[in-house]
Amino acid sequence: MTTREAPAATTVRHDEPPVQHGRPLWWMGATALAALLLVAIASVLELAFNDSDVDGGPPSGPLWALSIPVVLMPLVLMARRQFPFGAPAAVFVIAAVTSFVNGDLVTFTFGTFLTVATAAFLFGMLRDRRQALAGLALALAAAAIVVLNDPKQGPGDFAGISLLFGVVWLAGLGLGYKLAQAEEAHERVTRLEREREERALTAVAEERARIARELHDVVGHSVSVMTVQASAVRRLLREDQEKEREALEVVEQTGRQALAEMRRLVGVLRRPEEAPALAPQPSLEFLEKLVAHVREAGLPVDLRVEGKPAQLAPGVDLTAYRLIQEGLTNALKHAGASHAEVIVRYGDDDVELLVADDGRGAGDGDGGGHGLVGMRERVTVYGGELDAGPRADGGFELRARLPTHA
């Protein structure tokens, strides 16, 4: 059955590769590396085999010398993750310096054109807007130097290149903004999930401490009774029953020591403002009074007890009462219910508890699923079962089964 608990927080495995947009980052990096290598190879092939006479033919010089800058320009972009500004800046610096050695080499290959356009795009994606603007200025300055050193280029070519750099820079700026928003949203969700996990762990710890304090009162009462009874029996012994007297004195002393140790231990679990409980812990004997209080608060409740009531272990009795109390509190305060029903069904070996309402609220006790967390902790202590979730005809249902004898 679907519970009303908050969805479990996502657990991040640190041994898995990071993923972005459904693809591992290593796969995206390998794809970019392959693309840059293809651009470099295509540029070399274009220098080697493009002997067209258009615009004066290919640049003059040995192939190995011409290949160095056109291969180096796309390859430096491989360091873009380590040097987000330096890598694309190096592309334009290499282009400008190369234009002084060979004026028409930079503008000859299509691979070089793709490389400088990619570098301008990467400038736009920079998070630091000052670096992004400085990158655009560097790209335009390098373009001006290349056009000035190329005898085949003129002012019109510089205007076209400037427009191209501006467009791809703006495209990178827009994409970078969207990616930054997505990353911030992811970090926010991760932080909220981590905080929710921490709150859930804190709630479990607090509930366990509360259970320990309540069980101390239950067990402490039983041990006190045993100690008092042992003391009373010891005083009724005859003078010649020395062995029996010594055995009962051991029982008395052990009981008092156990009570003292329990008080010390549970004292650590109590908050500074809490005092030890002086009233007896509640049980199903107080169920009618609990239902009456809820009715007085404005929520009609039907109570039905089925089967022959059995004598429950004190801890089980307390847990059963707390489960019903939590279920009615949720129905009254959080579910917006107009009617609730409580059923206690005694079996041969267990007792079944049912709290149902016609509300529509979260029903988790605190809006974060911690009410059910606490109830599960209580049920787990005694090996019981707990099921909670929406009903088929509307509303919410809490069902638990506890063993009669823990």
Foldseek 3Di string as FASTA:
>chain_A
DDFLFDDAFDDDDPVDADDDPRHGPVVVLVVLVVVLQVLLVQLLVCLVPFQDCPLHGHWDDDSVVLSVLSSVLSVLCSCCVVPVLVSLLVNLVSLLVVCVVTLCSQVRGVSSVVSNLVSLLSLLLDPPVVSSVVSLVSSLVSLVSSQVSHPSHDPVVSVVVNVSSVVSSVVSNVVSVVVVVVVVVVVVSNVVSVVLVVVLVVLLVLLVLVLLLLVLLVVLVVLVVLLVVLVVVLVVDDPVPVVSNVVSVVSNVVSVVVNVVSCVVSVVSDDPVDDRDPDRQDFCVCVVVLQVVLVVVQAAEAEEEEDDDDQARVLVRNLLSVVQNLQSCLCRPFFVFRYKYWYWYDDDWKIKIKIWTQGHGSSLNPVNNSNVVSSVSSQVVQPKDWDKDADPVHTIMIMIMGTRYD
